[in-house]
Structures are given as C-alpha cells and as structure tokens.
Amino acid sequence: MSQSAGHALTLRTVSHSFGQMVAANAIDLDIRPGELVSLLGPSGCGKTTLLKIIAGFLRQTSGDVLVDGASISRLPTNRRRIGIVFQNYALFPHMSVAQNIAYGPAAAGRPKAEIAAVVAEMLDVVQMGALRDRLPRELSGGQQQRVALARCLAIRPKILLLDEPFSALDKNLRLDMQIEIKRLQRHSGITTVMVTHDQEEALGMSDRIAVLSRGNLEQFAPPSDIYDRPASLFVNTFVGTANFLKGEVAGSSPAGAAVRLEGGAVIETGRETALVPGTRVLVAVRPEGLRVRAEGGPGALGAQVTAVMPIGPSFIYEVRLADGTAVKVVQERDEAASLSGAVFLHLKPNRISGLFPDLPGDTHKKGN
C-alpha cells in the first residue's frame, strides 16, 4: 500500500447525548495524516460513541466530522471509506480467508482481476498466504485478527478504526499483535483511530492519545506528555500509577513552586503554578520518581517500609509516611540492597508529574 495513504481526520466540537446523558461534550480533535491515535478512558467515557460517530453508525447531536477538510457527517457509512475492525473480528464464518478479504472489493463491483490482485497483496501484507483457503474457525485468534485487518484494508479506506482490537487475545499474543498492527499501520501509512481502555496499549502504540472522562476531552498529546506532564488530576490518576503527597504552596519562582509537605519538609517541584502561597495542593509523583534510602538529606521524608516485592530487576516498595500516607516506589535492584524498617524517601529531581489543588471530595483513585 502507498505510504501516502494517510488522510487528515477532524472532529469539530462534536457532541452527542443519549437523553439526559452527555456521551460526548464538544470534542475537538485534529488527527494528522498517517497518525495512530488512541481514544483512552474508562467505561462510559465516550470513546466508543466517538468511534461510532466517525464510522457513521451514530449521527452526532451537534458538531462536524471532516476528512481532509471536507465534511462527511451527512454521508452514509458505506460512502465514508472508513474501515473498522471490531472486537470479535466479525468474519464471515462460511467464507475462506481469501473470500473474506475479497468481499469488500467484490461488493464495490471491482473487476475480478483487480480483486485477485488486492487479495494477493493483502495476504502478503498480513503474512497469511499459506492459509488463504482456511475458514475462520480453523484459525487462531491472532490469525483471525490479521484476516479482519486485511479485509478492512482491502477496501482502501481513508481512515482505519480499531475497536478494542486486542481484548479477545491472551496476554502473550496481545503483545505480538500490538507490534504486528503497529508495523502494518506504519507500512500502509493509514490514519488510524483505536479505542482502548488499556493504558499500556495506548502508551505503547500511539503517536498521540486522547484521554476521555465522562464525555470530556481531558488531554490530547503524545504518550510521553500524557505520562510525564498530565494536564489534569484525572489523567494523572488514570494513566499509570501515581502517588499523591499532600502539602501547601510555600513559594513560587520561574524555576517552579516550592511545596511544604505535611511533616514539614520543603521540596522544589520544578513545576510552575499560578497557585498562591498557602494553597493546599497535591504533589503527584510516579513510583519510579522516588528512591528509598537508609540516609536522609534535604527534602527527604521519613518513612516506614511496610512491604517489599522483588520483581525481576526491580524492588517495589510500599512505605508509609509519618502522616499515614501510603507511597509506592519502584527502584532498580542494583541501586541498593533491599531495605526494611525506618527509611528515608527521596524525590528524584524533575520527576514531579503534576501539581494540583487539593479539592474537597478528590479521591485520587484511578478511574474516578
């Protein structure tokens, strides 16, 4: 397939409601040609609604969907040139691999010679030529997924949609297929939107991620920004593991805010803030941004080790601060021997992932 297969996809203030429930609230997305973008969020966040709107299965309450700047909102599904791979692959059980792939071009009235050429090309792309005559029930889950993808690409879609494409696969096969689909997507150059609730999947495969919560777009950014510079407390808690240290703003400078933690220690966050001194805040830090040491030092926090788990090359610690806060730490084994009892918790420089107002009612739990 051509490397120029990618097309721009734009969602312009797209909203949709089911009665009183708002499933999508004025969503704006500009997806570049050839990008793989994930719609990520918990159940009920609106990601599947957006996928159905792009595909034409749902007509949005308001807003517009555009491909290469031209609106497709009034086009029926079969005229949008959008391919979709469903969770269960939806292969025709009575058709062989080759017949499944040929179905789309045949339904479009393509000449037999062209159909045969497309089938041969797609079988080569997904490396399924030796299995062309098998029925879906004679294939593994990963093989069925490849056929579903080939059948989708055979119609030369402008946009490819993937609806939880790995949910039916076991863990080992899932990683293999993530790599395979990423390879195929790069090979084809096709603009791809993937719906997933699996953050590792999104972080590993995507060029950019749209994090959704209750119909709202929380952040649309590359994976590194989503993980290291989350735009909201929700993103920080939903993506990855986050520790939250309570404190108050002690001062601010161009180098970032200083925070006095509960217990008295003052830390430099390296994060700019408009919050005034005295404001109660939550300092978010990933487990790998902390270190457990036997010795103290400036900004170190006294803690008590409550659990240690050696996992491969790392130690995973759970420690409890003097104020009762439980904190998780991921530390490389070669940095120190396993520690126990009273220890000190050190923050690695520039590893604060977020600084948020400590609002009443915040639970700081994933998915809330």
Protein backbone atom coordinates (compact mmCIF):
# COMPACT_ATOMS: atom_id res chain seq x y z
CA MET A 1 0.00 0.00 0.00
CA SER A 2 1.09 3.55 -0.64
CA GLN A 3 2.96 5.43 2.07
CA SER A 4 0.73 8.42 1.20
CA ALA A 5 -2.41 6.58 2.31
CA GLY A 6 -2.90 8.83 5.33
CA HIS A 7 -5.74 11.35 5.43
CA ALA A 8 -6.46 14.08 7.98
CA LEU A 9 -9.41 13.45 10.32
CA THR A 10 -11.01 16.31 12.23
CA LEU A 11 -13.67 16.29 14.92
CA ARG A 12 -15.03 19.80 15.33
CA THR A 13 -16.96 20.46 18.56
CA VAL A 14 -18.65 17.05 18.31
CA SER A 15 -21.33 16.45 20.95
CA HIS A 16 -23.76 13.61 21.48
CA SER A 17 -26.38 12.90 24.11
CA PHE A 18 -28.47 9.88 24.98
CA GLY A 19 -31.43 11.56 26.64
CA GLN A 20 -30.04 13.45 29.63
CA MET A 21 -26.68 11.67 29.47
CA VAL A 22 -23.93 13.54 27.64
CA ALA A 23 -21.67 10.96 25.97
CA ALA A 24 -19.51 13.49 24.08
CA ASN A 25 -19.17 17.11 25.07
CA ALA A 26 -17.84 19.48 22.37
CA ILE A 27 -14.89 17.27 21.40
CA ASP A 28 -12.23 18.85 19.17
CA LEU A 29 -9.58 16.59 17.64
CA ASP A 30 -7.24 17.26 14.73
CA ILE A 31 -5.67 13.96 13.69
CA ARG A 32 -2.81 14.23 11.21
CA PRO A 33 -2.41 12.03 8.12
CA GLY A 34 -0.78 8.70 8.99
CA GLU A 35 -1.13 9.08 12.75
CA LEU A 36 -2.21 6.31 15.10
CA VAL A 37 -4.37 7.95 17.76
CA SER A 38 -5.89 6.15 20.73
CA LEU A 39 -9.14 7.14 22.42
CA LEU A 40 -8.41 6.13 26.01
CA GLY A 41 -10.62 6.13 29.07
CA PRO A 42 -12.75 4.07 31.45
CA SER A 43 -16.10 2.54 30.55
CA GLY A 44 -18.70 5.22 29.83
CA CYS A 45 -16.18 7.94 28.99
CA GLY A 46 -17.44 8.43 25.41
CA LYS A 47 -14.69 6.75 23.36
CA THR A 48 -16.97 4.17 21.69
CA THR A 49 -19.55 6.88 20.98
CA LEU A 50 -16.90 8.90 19.12
CA LEU A 51 -15.82 5.84 17.14
CA LYS A 52 -19.42 5.18 16.06
CA ILE A 53 -19.83 8.83 15.06
CA ILE A 54 -16.68 8.71 12.91
CA ALA A 55 -17.85 5.45 11.29
CA GLY A 56 -21.34 6.82 10.65
CA PHE A 57 -23.17 4.36 12.90
CA LEU A 58 -24.34 7.32 15.03
CA ARG A 59 -25.27 10.84 13.94
CA GLN A 60 -23.86 13.33 16.42
CA THR A 61 -26.20 15.74 18.18
CA SER A 62 -24.02 18.64 17.03
CA GLY A 63 -20.62 19.35 15.52
CA ASP A 64 -18.93 18.03 12.41
CA VAL A 65 -16.62 15.23 11.23
CA LEU A 66 -14.24 16.04 8.39
CA VAL A 67 -11.76 14.08 6.29
CA ASP A 68 -9.13 16.20 4.56
CA GLY A 69 -11.19 19.26 5.43
CA ALA A 70 -14.42 18.04 3.80
CA SER A 71 -17.42 17.18 5.96
CA ILE A 72 -18.57 13.54 5.95
CA SER A 73 -21.28 14.00 8.57
CA ARG A 74 -24.12 13.63 6.06
CA LEU A 75 -22.59 10.69 4.22
CA PRO A 76 -23.92 7.19 4.96
CA THR A 77 -21.48 4.67 6.42
CA ASN A 78 -20.89 2.89 3.11
CA ARG A 79 -19.75 6.10 1.39
CA ARG A 80 -17.31 7.31 4.04
CA ARG A 81 -14.44 5.00 3.03
CA ILE A 82 -13.80 4.19 6.67
CA GLY A 83 -12.77 0.68 7.66
CA ILE A 84 -13.41 -0.78 11.10
CA VAL A 85 -12.05 -3.86 12.87
CA PHE A 86 -14.43 -4.97 15.62
CA GLN A 87 -13.61 -6.66 18.93
CA ASN A 88 -14.88 -10.03 17.70
CA TYR A 89 -13.41 -9.55 14.16
CA ALA A 90 -16.88 -10.23 12.56
CA LEU A 91 -15.51 -12.53 9.85
CA PHE A 92 -17.94 -14.39 7.62
CA PRO A 93 -17.78 -17.93 9.04
CA HIS A 94 -18.71 -19.69 5.78
CA MET A 95 -16.06 -17.86 3.72
CA SER A 96 -12.38 -18.71 3.43
CA VAL A 97 -9.63 -16.26 4.33
CA ALA A 98 -9.30 -15.17 0.69
CA GLN A 99 -13.07 -14.85 0.25
CA ASN A 100 -13.37 -12.70 3.37
CA ILE A 101 -10.68 -10.36 2.05
CA ALA A 102 -12.29 -10.25 -1.40
CA TYR A 103 -15.75 -9.39 -0.05
CA GLY A 104 -15.35 -5.60 0.09
CA PRO A 105 -13.84 -5.08 -3.37
CA ALA A 106 -16.37 -7.53 -4.86
CA ALA A 107 -19.29 -5.70 -3.23
CA ALA A 108 -17.92 -2.47 -4.74
CA GLY A 109 -18.09 -4.06 -8.21
CA ARG A 110 -14.34 -4.21 -8.85
CA PRO A 111 -13.14 -6.32 -11.81
CA LYS A 112 -12.14 -9.90 -10.98
CA ALA A 113 -8.51 -9.34 -11.92
CA GLU A 114 -8.30 -6.32 -9.62
CA ILE A 115 -9.94 -8.27 -6.77
CA ALA A 116 -7.46 -11.11 -7.17
CA ALA A 117 -4.55 -8.65 -7.11
CA VAL A 118 -5.87 -6.95 -3.96
CA VAL A 119 -6.38 -10.30 -2.20
CA ALA A 120 -2.85 -11.39 -3.08
CA GLU A 121 -1.44 -8.08 -1.84
CA MET A 122 -3.35 -8.20 1.45
CA LEU A 123 -2.43 -11.84 2.09
CA ASP A 124 1.21 -10.84 1.64
CA VAL A 125 0.88 -7.79 3.90
CA VAL A 126 -0.56 -9.83 6.80
CA GLN A 127 1.57 -12.89 6.01
CA MET A 128 -1.41 -15.23 5.60
CA GLY A 129 -0.85 -16.55 2.06
CA ALA A 130 -0.39 -20.15 3.22
CA LEU A 131 -3.76 -20.07 4.97
CA ARG A 132 -5.81 -18.44 2.20
CA ASP A 133 -8.25 -21.37 1.90
CA ARG A 134 -8.94 -21.89 5.60
CA LEU A 135 -12.22 -20.97 7.29
CA PRO A 136 -12.23 -18.60 10.30
CA ARG A 137 -12.94 -21.46 12.75
CA GLU A 138 -9.68 -23.09 11.63
CA LEU A 139 -7.63 -20.04 12.62
CA SER A 140 -6.18 -18.84 15.93
CA GLY A 141 -7.33 -15.57 17.47
CA GLY A 142 -4.28 -13.73 16.18
CA GLN A 143 -4.76 -15.13 12.68
CA GLN A 144 -8.43 -14.10 12.68
CA GLN A 145 -7.38 -10.60 13.68
CA ARG A 146 -4.96 -10.41 10.76
CA VAL A 147 -7.67 -11.50 8.34
CA ALA A 148 -10.08 -8.90 9.76
CA LEU A 149 -7.42 -6.24 9.28
CA ALA A 150 -6.66 -7.41 5.73
CA ARG A 151 -10.36 -7.42 4.83
CA CYS A 152 -10.60 -3.87 6.14
CA LEU A 153 -7.51 -2.63 4.24
CA ALA A 154 -8.71 -4.29 1.01
CA ILE A 155 -11.35 -1.58 0.51
CA ARG A 156 -8.62 1.10 0.55
CA PRO A 157 -10.19 3.05 3.43
CA LYS A 158 -9.19 6.62 4.14
CA ILE A 159 -9.43 6.03 7.88
CA LEU A 160 -8.96 2.79 9.87
CA LEU A 161 -10.88 2.33 13.14
CA LEU A 162 -9.89 -0.32 15.69
CA ASP A 163 -12.47 -1.14 18.37
CA GLU A 164 -10.69 -2.75 21.37
CA PRO A 165 -8.78 -4.91 18.87
CA PHE A 166 -6.81 -6.97 21.41
CA SER A 167 -9.44 -7.62 24.09
CA ALA A 168 -10.12 -11.20 22.91
CA LEU A 169 -6.44 -12.23 22.92
CA ASP A 170 -4.39 -13.71 25.77
CA LYS A 171 -1.59 -11.64 27.24
CA ASN A 172 1.33 -13.14 25.29
CA LEU A 173 -0.42 -12.97 21.93
CA ARG A 174 -1.70 -9.48 22.67
CA LEU A 175 1.82 -8.00 22.71
CA ASP A 176 2.74 -9.82 19.49
CA MET A 177 -0.35 -8.45 17.75
CA GLN A 178 0.21 -4.93 19.06
CA ILE A 179 3.65 -4.99 17.41
CA GLU A 180 2.19 -6.52 14.24
CA ILE A 181 -0.60 -3.96 13.87
CA LYS A 182 1.79 -1.10 14.56
CA ARG A 183 4.05 -2.49 11.81
CA LEU A 184 1.17 -2.81 9.37
CA GLN A 185 -0.11 0.65 10.19
CA ARG A 186 3.33 2.13 9.55
CA HIS A 187 3.68 0.11 6.33
CA SER A 188 0.35 1.28 4.97
CA GLY A 189 0.60 4.86 6.25
CA ILE A 190 -3.12 4.79 7.01
CA THR A 191 -4.59 7.19 9.56
CA THR A 192 -5.82 5.02 12.44
CA VAL A 193 -8.04 5.62 15.47
CA MET A 194 -8.04 2.96 18.16
CA VAL A 195 -10.47 2.67 21.07
CA THR A 196 -9.00 1.12 24.19
CA HIS A 197 -9.30 1.18 27.97
CA ASP A 198 -5.81 -0.34 28.31
CA GLN A 199 -3.35 2.43 29.15
CA GLU A 200 -0.23 0.36 28.41
CA GLU A 201 -1.64 -0.47 24.98
CA ALA A 202 -2.28 3.20 24.27
CA LEU A 203 1.09 4.37 25.61
CA GLY A 204 2.99 1.76 23.62
CA MET A 205 1.26 2.05 20.24
CA SER A 206 0.04 5.61 19.82
CA ASP A 207 1.51 8.70 18.23
CA ARG A 208 -0.96 10.69 20.35
CA ILE A 209 -3.59 9.80 22.93
CA ALA A 210 -6.96 11.44 23.59
CA VAL A 211 -7.84 10.80 27.23
CA LEU A 212 -11.59 11.00 27.84
CA SER A 213 -13.62 11.18 31.03
CA ARG A 214 -17.41 11.39 31.24
CA GLY A 215 -17.70 12.71 27.71
CA ASN A 216 -14.99 15.34 28.12
CA LEU A 217 -11.59 15.50 26.46
CA GLU A 218 -9.08 15.76 29.31
CA GLN A 219 -5.90 15.84 27.22
CA PHE A 220 -4.76 15.16 23.66
CA ALA A 221 -1.00 14.74 23.49
CA PRO A 222 1.89 12.34 22.77
CA PRO A 223 2.27 9.42 25.22
CA SER A 224 5.31 10.99 26.91
CA ASP A 225 3.32 14.13 27.73
CA ILE A 226 0.32 12.13 28.93
CA TYR A 227 2.54 10.20 31.34
CA ASP A 228 5.07 12.83 32.41
CA ARG A 229 3.02 16.03 32.10
CA PRO A 230 -0.65 15.13 32.68
CA ALA A 231 -2.97 18.10 32.18
CA SER A 232 -5.43 17.15 34.91
CA LEU A 233 -5.75 15.16 38.10
CA PHE A 234 -7.88 12.61 36.24
CA VAL A 235 -5.20 11.96 33.61
CA ASN A 236 -2.55 11.64 36.33
CA THR A 237 -4.59 9.04 38.21
CA PHE A 238 -5.99 7.09 35.24
CA VAL A 239 -2.74 6.73 33.31
CA GLY A 240 -0.05 4.85 35.20
CA THR A 241 0.39 4.69 38.96
CA ALA A 242 0.55 7.92 40.91
CA ASN A 243 1.47 8.82 44.48
CA PHE A 244 -0.01 11.96 45.98
CA LEU A 245 1.82 13.89 48.66
CA LYS A 246 -0.25 16.50 50.49
CA GLY A 247 1.11 19.91 51.29
CA GLU A 248 0.78 23.62 50.65
CA VAL A 249 2.48 26.06 48.32
CA ALA A 250 5.38 27.65 50.20
CA GLY A 251 6.53 29.92 47.39
CA SER A 252 6.95 30.20 43.65
CA SER A 253 9.65 31.26 41.21
CA PRO A 254 10.38 30.90 37.48
CA ALA A 255 12.10 27.61 38.41
CA GLY A 256 8.84 26.28 39.85
CA ALA A 257 6.84 26.07 43.03
CA ALA A 258 8.17 25.05 46.42
CA VAL A 259 5.79 22.94 48.49
CA ARG A 260 5.83 22.35 52.24
CA LEU A 261 4.67 18.77 52.73
CA GLU A 262 2.75 17.54 55.72
CA GLY A 263 5.52 16.70 58.17
CA GLY A 264 7.41 19.92 57.43
CA ALA A 265 9.81 19.02 54.62
CA VAL A 266 10.02 21.57 51.80
CA ILE A 267 10.54 20.28 48.26
CA GLU A 268 11.25 22.03 44.97
CA THR A 269 8.75 20.69 42.42
CA GLY A 270 10.16 22.17 39.22
CA ARG A 271 6.55 22.88 38.23
CA GLU A 272 5.23 26.35 37.53
CA THR A 273 1.98 27.23 39.25
CA ALA A 274 -0.40 30.17 39.50
CA LEU A 275 -1.49 28.97 42.95
CA VAL A 276 -0.71 31.42 45.73
CA PRO A 277 1.35 30.52 48.81
CA GLY A 278 -0.73 28.76 51.42
CA THR A 279 -2.91 26.93 48.85
CA ARG A 280 -3.43 23.26 49.70
CA VAL A 281 -2.03 21.07 46.92
CA LEU A 282 -1.34 17.51 45.88
CA VAL A 283 2.13 16.76 44.57
CA ALA A 284 1.91 13.86 42.12
CA VAL A 285 4.95 11.66 41.62
CA ARG A 286 5.31 8.34 39.81
CA PRO A 287 6.74 5.36 41.73
CA GLU A 288 9.92 5.45 39.62
CA GLY A 289 10.41 9.13 40.55
CA LEU A 290 11.13 8.19 44.18
CA ARG A 291 14.02 6.44 45.91
CA VAL A 292 14.21 4.65 49.26
CA ARG A 293 17.45 5.29 51.16
CA ALA A 294 18.84 4.48 54.58
CA GLU A 295 20.19 8.03 54.85
CA GLY A 296 18.30 11.31 54.99
CA GLY A 297 19.09 14.64 53.36
CA PRO A 298 17.49 17.91 52.17
CA GLY A 299 13.82 17.36 51.35
CA ALA A 300 13.91 13.70 52.42
CA LEU A 301 10.82 12.27 54.09
CA GLY A 302 10.94 9.87 57.00
CA ALA A 303 9.02 6.66 56.25
CA GLN A 304 8.47 3.10 57.36
CA VAL A 305 8.72 0.17 54.94
CA THR A 306 5.50 -1.87 55.03
CA ALA A 307 6.18 -4.24 52.11
CA VAL A 308 8.93 -5.15 49.64
CA MET A 309 8.42 -7.14 46.43
CA PRO A 310 11.44 -8.17 44.34
CA ILE A 311 10.19 -8.34 40.73
CA GLY A 312 12.79 -9.07 38.09
CA PRO A 313 15.40 -6.31 38.08
CA SER A 314 13.43 -4.07 40.46
CA PHE A 315 12.27 -3.74 44.04
CA ILE A 316 8.74 -2.50 44.57
CA TYR A 317 8.39 -0.85 47.97
CA GLU A 318 5.33 0.27 49.84
CA VAL A 319 6.24 2.75 52.54
CA ARG A 320 4.13 4.75 54.95
CA LEU A 321 4.88 8.38 55.76
CA ALA A 322 4.52 9.91 59.20
CA ASP A 323 1.08 11.31 58.29
CA GLY A 324 -0.14 7.83 57.30
CA THR A 325 0.13 8.32 53.51
CA ALA A 326 0.99 5.08 51.69
CA VAL A 327 3.54 5.52 48.89
CA LYS A 328 4.74 3.08 46.23
CA VAL A 329 8.31 3.14 44.97
CA VAL A 330 9.89 1.28 42.05
CA GLN A 331 13.66 1.04 42.45
CA GLU A 332 16.32 -0.78 40.46
CA ARG A 333 17.89 -3.67 42.37
CA ASP A 334 21.44 -2.59 41.58
CA GLU A 335 20.90 0.78 43.30
CA ALA A 336 20.75 -0.69 46.81
CA ALA A 337 20.04 -3.85 48.74
CA SER A 338 16.52 -4.44 49.98
CA LEU A 339 15.73 -2.12 52.89
CA SER A 340 13.32 -2.53 55.78
CA GLY A 341 12.14 -0.67 58.87
CA ALA A 342 12.74 3.07 59.14
CA VAL A 343 13.97 4.66 55.89
CA PHE A 344 14.04 7.98 54.06
CA LEU A 345 12.13 8.77 50.89
CA HIS A 346 13.92 10.94 48.33
CA LEU A 347 12.34 12.61 45.30
CA LYS A 348 14.39 12.39 42.12
CA PRO A 349 14.99 15.82 40.52
CA ASN A 350 12.44 16.95 37.92
CA ARG A 351 10.28 13.86 38.35
CA ILE A 352 7.15 15.54 39.74
CA SER A 353 4.39 14.63 37.28
CA GLY A 354 1.83 17.16 38.46
CA LEU A 355 0.85 19.79 40.98
CA PHE A 356 -2.90 20.06 41.60
CA PRO A 357 -5.19 21.93 44.00
CA ASP A 358 -6.29 19.64 46.85
CA LEU A 359 -10.04 20.00 46.39
CA PRO A 360 -12.61 18.56 48.82
CA GLY A 361 -14.02 15.29 47.54
CA ASP A 362 -10.99 14.29 45.42
CA THR A 363 -10.35 10.59 45.96
CA HIS A 364 -7.18 10.36 43.82
CA LYS A 365 -8.17 6.87 42.70
CA LYS A 366 -7.78 5.50 39.19
CA GLY A 367 -10.89 5.89 37.11
CA ASN A 368 -12.65 8.40 39.35
